[in-house]
């Protein structure tokens, strides 16, 4: 469980980076768009895992749901991942 402040929710890319690519570093976002309550993005990370991700996450006042797909170079081998993210408000911190 993780407690988020109102400031944390103002930049979904900061929150989603850790969820979508744990252990990655040097991540940069591109193609960040909002349409209604959905945030779509692409992300590229360097470091020990060269990761390229795409995702779409929908938000309400009390929840978040989405899917993030990624391709990583792990030890010279291409690996594909798909992550589902889900969160809900359970109260104040």
Protein backbone atom coordinates (compact mmCIF):
# COMPACT_ATOMS: atom_id res chain seq x y z
CA UNK A 1 0.00 0.00 0.00
CA UNK A 2 1.22 3.49 -0.83
CA UNK A 3 -0.08 6.83 0.41
CA UNK A 4 -0.21 9.61 -2.18
CA UNK A 5 -0.59 13.32 -1.54
CA UNK A 6 -2.61 15.68 -3.72
CA UNK A 7 0.71 16.89 -5.20
CA UNK A 8 1.61 13.31 -6.19
CA UNK A 9 -1.52 13.02 -8.28
CA UNK A 10 -0.75 16.13 -10.35
CA UNK A 11 1.90 14.28 -12.40
CA UNK A 12 0.75 10.73 -13.22
CA UNK A 13 3.96 10.05 -15.13
CA UNK A 14 6.02 10.30 -11.93
CA UNK A 15 3.79 7.77 -10.19
CA UNK A 16 3.49 5.40 -13.15
CA UNK A 17 7.21 5.32 -13.94
CA UNK A 18 8.02 3.32 -10.82
CA UNK A 19 5.07 1.01 -11.31
CA UNK A 20 5.71 0.27 -14.95
CA UNK A 21 9.49 -0.12 -14.82
CA UNK A 22 10.80 -1.00 -11.35
CA UNK A 23 14.57 -0.78 -11.21
CA UNK A 24 14.82 1.30 -14.38
CA UNK A 25 16.63 4.63 -14.40
CA UNK A 26 16.98 7.59 -16.70
CA UNK A 27 13.34 7.39 -17.78
CA UNK A 28 11.93 10.05 -20.11
CA UNK A 29 8.37 10.44 -21.29
CA UNK A 30 7.05 11.37 -24.70
CA UNK A 31 3.64 11.44 -26.31
CA UNK A 32 1.94 12.35 -23.01
CA UNK A 33 -1.71 13.07 -23.77
CA UNK A 34 -4.92 13.42 -21.81
CA UNK A 35 -8.30 12.66 -23.31
CA UNK A 36 -11.14 12.98 -20.84
CA UNK A 37 -10.07 11.01 -17.79
CA UNK A 38 -7.45 8.90 -19.63
CA UNK A 39 -3.70 9.53 -19.61
CA UNK A 40 -1.67 7.95 -22.45
CA UNK A 41 2.10 7.95 -22.66
CA UNK A 42 5.30 6.46 -24.05
CA UNK A 43 8.38 6.05 -21.88
CA UNK A 44 12.01 5.18 -22.59
CA UNK A 45 14.47 4.17 -19.85
CA UNK A 46 18.21 3.60 -19.87
CA UNK A 47 20.27 1.92 -17.17
CA UNK A 48 20.75 -1.83 -16.82
CA UNK A 49 17.39 -2.39 -18.55
CA UNK A 50 16.76 -0.53 -21.80
CA UNK A 51 12.97 -0.29 -21.54
CA UNK A 52 10.42 1.17 -23.93
CA UNK A 53 6.85 1.36 -22.59
CA UNK A 54 3.45 2.52 -23.73
CA UNK A 55 0.46 2.88 -21.47
CA UNK A 56 -3.06 4.10 -20.97
CA UNK A 57 -4.48 4.74 -17.52
CA UNK A 58 -7.97 6.00 -16.67
CA UNK A 59 -8.68 7.99 -13.52
CA UNK A 60 -11.70 8.87 -11.43
CA UNK A 61 -11.76 10.77 -8.15
CA UNK A 62 -11.46 7.46 -6.28
CA UNK A 63 -9.69 5.02 -8.61
CA UNK A 64 -7.13 4.35 -11.32
CA UNK A 65 -7.02 1.45 -13.81
CA UNK A 66 -4.83 0.83 -16.81
CA UNK A 67 -2.41 -1.26 -18.78
CA UNK A 68 1.26 -0.66 -19.49
CA UNK A 69 3.14 -2.71 -22.08
CA UNK A 70 6.92 -2.72 -22.27
CA UNK A 71 9.82 -4.15 -24.21
CA UNK A 72 13.13 -4.52 -22.36
CA UNK A 73 16.64 -5.60 -23.27
CA UNK A 74 17.67 -7.95 -20.46
CA UNK A 75 21.16 -9.32 -20.91
CA UNK A 76 20.91 -8.92 -24.68
CA UNK A 77 17.55 -10.70 -24.83
CA UNK A 78 14.34 -8.93 -25.82
CA UNK A 79 11.65 -9.39 -23.18
CA UNK A 80 8.05 -8.23 -23.47
CA UNK A 81 5.94 -7.35 -20.43
CA UNK A 82 2.37 -6.34 -19.81
CA UNK A 83 1.39 -4.76 -16.48
CA UNK A 84 -2.09 -4.01 -15.25
CA UNK A 85 -2.27 -1.21 -12.69
CA UNK A 86 -5.16 -0.62 -10.35
CA UNK A 87 -5.60 1.66 -7.37
CA UNK A 88 -8.42 2.95 -5.26
CA UNK A 89 -8.83 5.57 -2.59
CA UNK A 90 -9.27 4.06 0.86
CA UNK A 91 -9.06 7.23 2.95
CA UNK A 92 -6.65 9.93 4.05
CA UNK A 93 -2.96 9.31 4.65
